[in-house]
Structures are given as C-alpha cells and as structure tokens.
C-alpha cells in the first residue's frame, strides 16, 4: 500500500535527503519520495503499523505532521537533521 503524509519544517534538499534516508531504514518501508516543495513524504508500506513508525520517526527528527504540535524543539531538530542530510549529499 502507499500513503502520503504532509509534514512540517521541510526546508531544502538536505531535509529531503535526511528524511528519505532515515525513513527508508524502517523495515517494511520502500519507495520513499520526499518533496520540500509540497511538504510531503510518500512511501509504500507492508503493514499499517509501519505508518505509525514513520510518523514517530518523523516527529523525532523534527518533522511533525501538518496539524500536529510544532514546538521550538522540533524546529531545532529539523535544522540538525537538515544539516546531516546536506553532509550526506
């Protein structure tokens, strides 16, 4: 199955790279596509519980779902994730 999530704090290609890299590491998740222009992450999953894992991982990285609380701490985490993503390019 496939889903698309609208997320907050995506700023650039570094963010895209880090989100894609980290989400792809979750077992049962494949074909991850991240768009900072649309603020989305799309992926295939093999079980519904995997979607919840992705949502939790995104929040830990500083990219909560649109509509979820977006604290200063999460914004700061997204900058750190973004920088790590830029270094991996």
PDB file of N, CA and C in Angstrom:
ATOM      1  N   UNK A   1       0.843  -1.169   0.000  1.00  0.00           N
ATOM      2  CA  UNK A   1       0.000   0.000   0.000  1.00  0.00           C
ATOM      3  C   UNK A   1       0.890   1.235   0.000  1.00  0.00           C
ATOM      4  N   UNK A   2       0.328   2.362  -0.393  1.00  0.00           N
ATOM      5  CA  UNK A   2       1.084   3.610  -0.473  1.00  0.00           C
ATOM      6  C   UNK A   2       0.327   4.718   0.252  1.00  0.00           C
ATOM      7  N   UNK A   3       1.084   5.614   0.878  1.00  0.00           N
ATOM      8  CA  UNK A   3       0.469   6.764   1.536  1.00  0.00           C
ATOM      9  C   UNK A   3       1.352   7.983   1.342  1.00  0.00           C
ATOM     10  N   UNK A   4       0.751   9.148   1.529  1.00  0.00           N
ATOM     11  CA  UNK A   4       1.468  10.416   1.502  1.00  0.00           C
ATOM     12  C   UNK A   4       1.116  11.176   2.768  1.00  0.00           C
ATOM     13  N   UNK A   5       2.150  11.672   3.452  1.00  0.00           N
ATOM     14  CA  UNK A   5       1.970  12.448   4.671  1.00  0.00           C
ATOM     15  C   UNK A   5       2.410  13.886   4.423  1.00  0.00           C
ATOM     16  N   UNK A   6       1.637  14.836   4.912  1.00  0.00           N
ATOM     17  CA  UNK A   6       2.013  16.247   4.869  1.00  0.00           C
ATOM     18  C   UNK A   6       2.746  16.568   6.157  1.00  0.00           C
ATOM     19  N   UNK A   7       3.994  17.052   6.033  1.00  0.00           N
ATOM     20  CA  UNK A   7       4.815  17.285   7.209  1.00  0.00           C
ATOM     21  C   UNK A   7       5.304  18.732   7.260  1.00  0.00           C
ATOM     22  N   UNK A   8       5.741  19.121   8.441  1.00  0.00           N
ATOM     23  CA  UNK A   8       6.216  20.483   8.686  1.00  0.00           C
ATOM     24  C   UNK A   8       7.743  20.523   8.706  1.00  0.00           C
ATOM     25  N   UNK A   9       8.281  21.708   8.510  1.00  0.00           N
ATOM     26  CA  UNK A   9       9.700  22.031   8.681  1.00  0.00           C
ATOM     27  C   UNK A   9      10.619  21.559   7.563  1.00  0.00           C
ATOM     28  N   UNK A  10      10.089  21.079   6.441  1.00  0.00           N
ATOM     29  CA  UNK A  10      10.954  20.755   5.311  1.00  0.00           C
ATOM     30  C   UNK A  10      11.435  22.056   4.685  1.00  0.00           C
ATOM     31  N   UNK A  11      12.746  22.184   4.517  1.00  0.00           N
ATOM     32  CA  UNK A  11      13.281  23.443   4.027  1.00  0.00           C
ATOM     33  C   UNK A  11      14.056  23.322   2.720  1.00  0.00           C
ATOM     34  N   UNK A  12      14.690  22.181   2.492  1.00  0.00           N
ATOM     35  CA  UNK A  12      15.590  22.102   1.343  1.00  0.00           C
ATOM     36  C   UNK A  12      15.896  20.644   0.987  1.00  0.00           C
ATOM     37  N   UNK A  13      16.826  20.492   0.056  1.00  0.00           N
ATOM     38  CA  UNK A  13      17.245  19.164  -0.363  1.00  0.00           C
ATOM     39  C   UNK A  13      17.924  18.377   0.742  1.00  0.00           C
ATOM     40  N   UNK A  14      18.570  19.081   1.677  1.00  0.00           N
ATOM     41  CA  UNK A  14      19.183  18.382   2.817  1.00  0.00           C
ATOM     42  C   UNK A  14      18.130  17.707   3.669  1.00  0.00           C
ATOM     43  N   UNK A  15      17.032  18.427   3.882  1.00  0.00           N
ATOM     44  CA  UNK A  15      15.912  17.837   4.629  1.00  0.00           C
ATOM     45  C   UNK A  15      15.367  16.626   3.881  1.00  0.00           C
ATOM     46  N   UNK A  16      15.151  16.801   2.578  1.00  0.00           N
ATOM     47  CA  UNK A  16      14.635  15.697   1.752  1.00  0.00           C
ATOM     48  C   UNK A  16      15.528  14.472   1.883  1.00  0.00           C
ATOM     49  N   UNK A  17      16.834  14.678   1.766  1.00  0.00           N
ATOM     50  CA  UNK A  17      17.783  13.581   1.816  1.00  0.00           C
ATOM     51  C   UNK A  17      17.744  12.861   3.168  1.00  0.00           C
ATOM     52  N   UNK A  18      17.746  13.624   4.241  1.00  0.00           N
ATOM     53  CA  UNK A  18      17.753  13.018   5.577  1.00  0.00           C
ATOM     54  C   UNK A  18      16.452  12.263   5.857  1.00  0.00           C
ATOM     55  N   UNK A  19      15.331  12.862   5.522  1.00  0.00           N
ATOM     56  CA  UNK A  19      14.043  12.185   5.736  1.00  0.00           C
ATOM     57  C   UNK A  19      13.996  10.889   4.926  1.00  0.00           C
ATOM     58  N   UNK A  20      14.374  10.972   3.658  1.00  0.00           N
ATOM     59  CA  UNK A  20      14.356   9.783   2.805  1.00  0.00           C
ATOM     60  C   UNK A  20      15.269   8.693   3.352  1.00  0.00           C
ATOM     61  N   UNK A  21      16.472   9.069   3.753  1.00  0.00           N
ATOM     62  CA  UNK A  21      17.443   8.100   4.271  1.00  0.00           C
ATOM     63  C   UNK A  21      16.925   7.416   5.532  1.00  0.00           C
ATOM     64  N   UNK A  22      16.433   8.193   6.475  1.00  0.00           N
ATOM     65  CA  UNK A  22      16.007   7.634   7.760  1.00  0.00           C
ATOM     66  C   UNK A  22      14.724   6.815   7.641  1.00  0.00           C
ATOM     67  N   UNK A  23      13.778   7.289   6.853  1.00  0.00           N
ATOM     68  CA  UNK A  23      12.510   6.555   6.698  1.00  0.00           C
ATOM     69  C   UNK A  23      12.739   5.246   5.943  1.00  0.00           C
ATOM     70  N   UNK A  24      13.652   5.265   4.981  1.00  0.00           N
ATOM     71  CA  UNK A  24      13.952   4.049   4.208  1.00  0.00           C
ATOM     72  C   UNK A  24      14.551   2.948   5.068  1.00  0.00           C
ATOM     73  N   UNK A  25      15.115   3.302   6.232  1.00  0.00           N
ATOM     74  CA  UNK A  25      15.708   2.307   7.130  1.00  0.00           C
ATOM     75  C   UNK A  25      14.659   1.507   7.898  1.00  0.00           C
ATOM     76  N   UNK A  26      13.432   1.972   7.921  1.00  0.00           N
ATOM     77  CA  UNK A  26      12.374   1.270   8.659  1.00  0.00           C
ATOM     78  C   UNK A  26      11.949   0.038   7.869  1.00  0.00           C
ATOM     79  N   UNK A  27      11.982  -1.096   8.531  1.00  0.00           N
ATOM     80  CA  UNK A  27      11.602  -2.352   7.884  1.00  0.00           C
ATOM     81  C   UNK A  27      10.175  -2.265   7.366  1.00  0.00           C
ATOM     82  N   UNK A  28       9.962  -2.723   6.136  1.00  0.00           N
ATOM     83  CA  UNK A  28       8.622  -2.723   5.553  1.00  0.00           C
ATOM     84  C   UNK A  28       8.266  -1.432   4.835  1.00  0.00           C
ATOM     85  N   UNK A  29       9.216  -0.484   4.778  1.00  0.00           N
ATOM     86  CA  UNK A  29       9.001   0.790   4.090  1.00  0.00           C
ATOM     87  C   UNK A  29       9.880   0.799   2.843  1.00  0.00           C
ATOM     88  N   UNK A  30       9.298   1.224   1.711  1.00  0.00           N
ATOM     89  CA  UNK A  30      10.074   1.281   0.471  1.00  0.00           C
ATOM     90  C   UNK A  30       9.568   2.431  -0.402  1.00  0.00           C
ATOM     91  N   UNK A  31      10.318   2.700  -1.449  1.00  0.00           N
ATOM     92  CA  UNK A  31       9.972   3.708  -2.459  1.00  0.00           C
ATOM     93  C   UNK A  31       9.602   5.055  -1.822  1.00  0.00           C
ATOM     94  N   UNK A  32      10.505   5.572  -0.989  1.00  0.00           N
ATOM     95  CA  UNK A  32      10.281   6.833  -0.277  1.00  0.00           C
ATOM     96  C   UNK A  32      10.570   8.000  -1.215  1.00  0.00           C
ATOM     97  N   UNK A  33       9.609   8.919  -1.296  1.00  0.00           N
ATOM     98  CA  UNK A  33       9.762  10.134  -2.099  1.00  0.00           C
ATOM     99  C   UNK A  33       9.408  11.320  -1.212  1.00  0.00           C
ATOM    100  N   UNK A  34      10.354  12.260  -1.078  1.00  0.00           N
ATOM    101  CA  UNK A  34      10.154  13.434  -0.226  1.00  0.00           C
ATOM    102  C   UNK A  34      10.180  14.674  -1.107  1.00  0.00           C
ATOM    103  N   UNK A  35       9.246  15.587  -0.871  1.00  0.00           N
ATOM    104  CA  UNK A  35       9.181  16.837  -1.629  1.00  0.00           C
ATOM    105  C   UNK A  35       9.113  18.023  -0.680  1.00  0.00           C
ATOM    106  N   UNK A  36      10.204  18.826  -0.656  1.00  0.00           N
ATOM    107  CA  UNK A  36      10.150  20.014   0.190  1.00  0.00           C
ATOM    108  C   UNK A  36       9.286  21.098  -0.438  1.00  0.00           C
ATOM    109  N   UNK A  37       9.044  21.025  -1.728  1.00  0.00           N
ATOM    110  CA  UNK A  37       8.159  21.986  -2.394  1.00  0.00           C
ATOM    111  C   UNK A  37       6.707  21.776  -1.980  1.00  0.00           C
ATOM    112  N   UNK A  38       6.326  20.522  -1.779  1.00  0.00           N
ATOM    113  CA  UNK A  38       4.951  20.197  -1.399  1.00  0.00           C
ATOM    114  C   UNK A  38       4.827  19.845   0.084  1.00  0.00           C
ATOM    115  N   UNK A  39       5.956  19.788   0.790  1.00  0.00           N
ATOM    116  CA  UNK A  39       5.981  19.408   2.206  1.00  0.00           C
ATOM    117  C   UNK A  39       5.355  18.035   2.435  1.00  0.00           C
ATOM    118  N   UNK A  40       5.763  17.077   1.602  1.00  0.00           N
ATOM    119  CA  UNK A  40       5.203  15.729   1.703  1.00  0.00           C
ATOM    120  C   UNK A  40       6.292  14.660   1.718  1.00  0.00           C
ATOM    121  N   UNK A  41       5.931  13.530   2.284  1.00  0.00           N
ATOM    122  CA  UNK A  41       6.719  12.306   2.166  1.00  0.00           C
ATOM    123  C   UNK A  41       5.739  11.203   1.778  1.00  0.00           C
ATOM    124  N   UNK A  42       6.076  10.489   0.708  1.00  0.00           N
ATOM    125  CA  UNK A  42       5.244   9.375   0.228  1.00  0.00           C
ATOM    126  C   UNK A  42       6.076   8.100   0.306  1.00  0.00           C
ATOM    127  N   UNK A  43       5.408   6.990   0.578  1.00  0.00           N
ATOM    128  CA  UNK A  43       6.136   5.724   0.686  1.00  0.00           C
ATOM    129  C   UNK A  43       5.161   4.559   0.589  1.00  0.00           C
ATOM    130  N   UNK A  44       5.726   3.405   0.235  1.00  0.00           N
ATOM    131  CA  UNK A  44       4.990   2.149   0.258  1.00  0.00           C
ATOM    132  C   UNK A  44       5.243   1.487   1.608  1.00  0.00           C
ATOM    133  N   UNK A  45       4.237   0.785   2.116  1.00  0.00           N
ATOM    134  CA  UNK A  45       4.384   0.085   3.391  1.00  0.00           C
ATOM    135  C   UNK A  45       3.680  -1.257   3.309  1.00  0.00           C
ATOM    136  N   UNK A  46       4.149  -2.198   4.139  1.00  0.00           N
ATOM    137  CA  UNK A  46       3.582  -3.548   4.103  1.00  0.00           C
ATOM    138  C   UNK A  46       2.568  -3.815   5.220  1.00  0.00           C
ATOM    139  N   UNK A  47       2.572  -2.957   6.265  1.00  0.00           N
ATOM    140  CA  UNK A  47       1.602  -3.082   7.358  1.00  0.00           C
ATOM    141  C   UNK A  47       1.253  -1.687   7.845  1.00  0.00           C
ATOM    142  N   UNK A  48       0.023  -1.502   8.273  1.00  0.00           N
ATOM    143  CA  UNK A  48      -0.427  -0.197   8.749  1.00  0.00           C
ATOM    144  C   UNK A  48       0.394   0.294   9.934  1.00  0.00           C
ATOM    145  N   UNK A  49       0.867  -0.612  10.768  1.00  0.00           N
ATOM    146  CA  UNK A  49       1.678  -0.208  11.920  1.00  0.00           C
ATOM    147  C   UNK A  49       2.967   0.483  11.490  1.00  0.00           C
ATOM    148  N   UNK A  50       3.425   0.214  10.285  1.00  0.00           N
ATOM    149  CA  UNK A  50       4.640   0.855   9.765  1.00  0.00           C
ATOM    150  C   UNK A  50       4.421   2.354   9.564  1.00  0.00           C
ATOM    151  N   UNK A  51       3.218   2.744   9.212  1.00  0.00           N
ATOM    152  CA  UNK A  51       2.910   4.164   9.018  1.00  0.00           C
ATOM    153  C   UNK A  51       3.096   4.905  10.339  1.00  0.00           C
ATOM    154  N   UNK A  52       2.638   4.313  11.417  1.00  0.00           N
ATOM    155  CA  UNK A  52       2.806   4.926  12.743  1.00  0.00           C
ATOM    156  C   UNK A  52       4.285   5.043  13.100  1.00  0.00           C
ATOM    157  N   UNK A  53       5.078   4.038  12.735  1.00  0.00           N
ATOM    158  CA  UNK A  53       6.520   4.099  12.968  1.00  0.00           C
ATOM    159  C   UNK A  53       7.140   5.267  12.210  1.00  0.00           C
ATOM    160  N   UNK A  54       6.716   5.461  10.980  1.00  0.00           N
ATOM    161  CA  UNK A  54       7.226   6.572  10.167  1.00  0.00           C
ATOM    162  C   UNK A  54       6.848   7.899  10.811  1.00  0.00           C
ATOM    163  N   UNK A  55       5.593   8.036  11.228  1.00  0.00           N
ATOM    164  CA  UNK A  55       5.131   9.275  11.867  1.00  0.00           C
ATOM    165  C   UNK A  55       5.957   9.569  13.110  1.00  0.00           C
ATOM    166  N   UNK A  56       6.216   8.557  13.923  1.00  0.00           N
ATOM    167  CA  UNK A  56       7.022   8.738  15.135  1.00  0.00           C
ATOM    168  C   UNK A  56       8.454   9.128  14.797  1.00  0.00           C
ATOM    169  N   UNK A  57       9.028   8.482  13.795  1.00  0.00           N
ATOM    170  CA  UNK A  57      10.406   8.797  13.393  1.00  0.00           C
ATOM    171  C   UNK A  57      10.492  10.230  12.860  1.00  0.00           C
ATOM    172  N   UNK A  58       9.517  10.629  12.057  1.00  0.00           N
ATOM    173  CA  UNK A  58       9.499  11.995  11.535  1.00  0.00           C
ATOM    174  C   UNK A  58       9.456  13.015  12.676  1.00  0.00           C
ATOM    175  N   UNK A  59       8.608  12.772  13.659  1.00  0.00           N
ATOM    176  CA  UNK A  59       8.494  13.691  14.793  1.00  0.00           C
ATOM    177  C   UNK A  59       9.816  13.762  15.564  1.00  0.00           C
ATOM    178  N   UNK A  60      10.486  12.614  15.758  1.00  0.00           N
ATOM    179  CA  UNK A  60      11.774  12.590  16.458  1.00  0.00           C
ATOM    180  C   UNK A  60      12.829  13.399  15.717  1.00  0.00           C
ATOM    181  N   UNK A  61      12.716  13.432  14.385  1.00  0.00           N
ATOM    182  CA  UNK A  61      13.679  14.150  13.552  1.00  0.00           C
ATOM    183  C   UNK A  61      13.337  15.636  13.428  1.00  0.00           C
ATOM    184  N   UNK A  62      12.159  16.026  13.907  1.00  0.00           N
ATOM    185  CA  UNK A  62      11.762  17.426  13.825  1.00  0.00           C
ATOM    186  C   UNK A  62      10.823  17.745  12.688  1.00  0.00           C
ATOM    187  N   UNK A  63      10.168  16.729  12.134  1.00  0.00           N
ATOM    188  CA  UNK A  63       9.243  16.906  11.023  1.00  0.00           C
ATOM    189  C   UNK A  63       7.859  16.354  11.377  1.00  0.00           C
ATOM    190  N   UNK A  64       7.140  17.023  12.276  1.00  0.00           N
ATOM    191  CA  UNK A  64       5.808  16.523  12.659  1.00  0.00           C
ATOM    192  C   UNK A  64       4.814  16.674  11.512  1.00  0.00           C
ATOM    193  N   UNK A  65       3.735  15.932  11.604  1.00  0.00           N
ATOM    194  CA  UNK A  65       2.671  16.047  10.611  1.00  0.00           C
ATOM    195  C   UNK A  65       2.048  17.438  10.669  1.00  0.00           C
ATOM    196  N   UNK A  66       1.567  17.900   9.528  1.00  0.00           N
ATOM    197  CA  UNK A  66       0.821  19.155   9.495  1.00  0.00           C
ATOM    198  C   UNK A  66      -0.381  18.992  10.414  1.00  0.00           C
ATOM    199  N   UNK A  67      -0.601  19.963  11.279  1.00  0.00           N
ATOM    200  CA  UNK A  67      -1.693  19.901  12.243  1.00  0.00           C
ATOM    201  C   UNK A  67      -1.246  19.445  13.615  1.00  0.00           C
ATOM    202  N   UNK A  68      -0.091  18.756  13.689  1.00  0.00           N
ATOM    203  CA  UNK A  68       0.453  18.358  14.983  1.00  0.00           C
ATOM    204  C   UNK A  68       1.247  19.523  15.574  1.00  0.00           C
ATOM    205  N   UNK A  69       1.475  19.450  16.863  1.00  0.00           N
ATOM    206  CA  UNK A  69       2.241  20.487  17.555  1.00  0.00           C
ATOM    207  C   UNK A  69       3.646  20.589  16.953  1.00  0.00           C
ATOM    208  N   UNK A  70       4.076  21.812  16.677  1.00  0.00           N
ATOM    209  CA  UNK A  70       5.388  22.062  16.086  1.00  0.00           C
ATOM    210  C   UNK A  70       6.162  22.978  17.031  1.00  0.00           C
ATOM    211  N   UNK A  71       6.798  22.368  18.008  1.00  0.00           N
ATOM    212  CA  UNK A  71       7.476  23.128  19.058  1.00  0.00           C
ATOM    213  C   UNK A  71       8.806  23.695  18.562  1.00  0.00           C
ATOM    214  N   UNK A  72       9.347  24.611  19.331  1.00  0.00           N
ATOM    215  CA  UNK A  72      10.657  25.172  19.024  1.00  0.00           C
ATOM    216  C   UNK A  72      11.714  24.064  19.007  1.00  0.00           C
ATOM    217  N   UNK A  73      11.570  23.105  19.919  1.00  0.00           N
ATOM    218  CA  UNK A  73      12.495  21.973  19.951  1.00  0.00           C
ATOM    219  C   UNK A  73      12.458  21.157  18.678  1.00  0.00           C
ATOM    220  N   UNK A  74      11.261  20.925  18.139  1.00  0.00           N
ATOM    221  CA  UNK A  74      11.152  20.171  16.894  1.00  0.00           C
ATOM    222  C   UNK A  74      11.739  20.964  15.732  1.00  0.00           C
ATOM    223  N   UNK A  75      11.519  22.263  15.719  1.00  0.00           N
ATOM    224  CA  UNK A  75      12.102  23.092  14.658  1.00  0.00           C
ATOM    225  C   UNK A  75      13.623  23.014  14.720  1.00  0.00           C
ATOM    226  N   UNK A  76      14.182  23.057  15.921  1.00  0.00           N
ATOM    227  CA  UNK A  76      15.632  22.949  16.082  1.00  0.00           C
ATOM    228  C   UNK A  76      16.133  21.587  15.608  1.00  0.00           C
ATOM    229  N   UNK A  77      15.401  20.524  15.943  1.00  0.00           N
ATOM    230  CA  UNK A  77      15.788  19.179  15.498  1.00  0.00           C
ATOM    231  C   UNK A  77      15.788  19.099  13.976  1.00  0.00           C
ATOM    232  N   UNK A  78      14.823  19.766  13.344  1.00  0.00           N
ATOM    233  CA  UNK A  78      14.764  19.712  11.881  1.00  0.00           C
ATOM    234  C   UNK A  78      15.989  20.377  11.265  1.00  0.00           C
ATOM    235  N   UNK A  79      16.509  21.435  11.888  1.00  0.00           N
ATOM    236  CA  UNK A  79      17.725  22.073  11.376  1.00  0.00           C
ATOM    237  C   UNK A  79      18.920  21.142  11.495  1.00  0.00           C
ATOM    238  N   UNK A  80      19.002  20.413  12.601  1.00  0.00           N
ATOM    239  CA  UNK A  80      20.087  19.443  12.780  1.00  0.00           C
ATOM    240  C   UNK A  80      19.955  18.321  11.739  1.00  0.00           C
ATOM    241  N   UNK A  81      18.742  17.821  11.542  1.00  0.00           N
ATOM    242  CA  UNK A  81      18.504  16.771  10.541  1.00  0.00           C
ATOM    243  C   UNK A  81      18.869  17.282   9.147  1.00  0.00           C
ATOM    244  N   UNK A  82      18.483  18.519   8.871  1.00  0.00           N
ATOM    245  CA  UNK A  82      18.765  19.130   7.575  1.00  0.00           C
ATOM    246  C   UNK A  82      20.282  19.190   7.337  1.00  0.00           C
ATOM    247  N   UNK A  83      21.013  19.631   8.350  1.00  0.00           N
ATOM    248  CA  UNK A  83      22.466  19.734   8.209  1.00  0.00           C
ATOM    249  C   UNK A  83      23.080  18.360   7.966  1.00  0.00           C
ATOM    250  N   UNK A  84      22.601  17.358   8.670  1.00  0.00           N
ATOM    251  CA  UNK A  84      23.107  15.997   8.464  1.00  0.00           C
ATOM    252  C   UNK A  84      22.804  15.530   7.047  1.00  0.00           C
ATOM    253  N   UNK A  85      21.626  15.872   6.559  1.00  0.00           N
ATOM    254  CA  UNK A  85      21.254  15.499   5.194  1.00  0.00           C
ATOM    255  C   UNK A  85      22.123  16.186   4.149  1.00  0.00           C
ATOM    256  N   UNK A  86      22.499  17.426   4.411  1.00  0.00           N
ATOM    257  CA  UNK A  86      23.380  18.141   3.477  1.00  0.00           C
ATOM    258  C   UNK A  86      24.776  17.527   3.459  1.00  0.00           C
ATOM    259  N   UNK A  87      25.222  17.070   4.603  1.00  0.00           N
ATOM    260  CA  UNK A  87      26.563  16.467   4.692  1.00  0.00           C
ATOM    261  C   UNK A  87      26.605  15.123   3.994  1.00  0.00           C
ATOM    262  N   UNK A  88      25.479  14.433   3.876  1.00  0.00           N
ATOM    263  CA  UNK A  88      25.422  13.113   3.234  1.00  0.00           C
ATOM    264  C   UNK A  88      25.383  13.207   1.722  1.00  0.00           C
ATOM    265  N   UNK A  89      25.028  14.372   1.207  1.00  0.00           N
ATOM    266  CA  UNK A  89      24.905  14.528  -0.263  1.00  0.00           C
ATOM    267  C   UNK A  89      26.215  14.363  -0.953  1.00  0.00           C
TER     268      UNK A  89
END
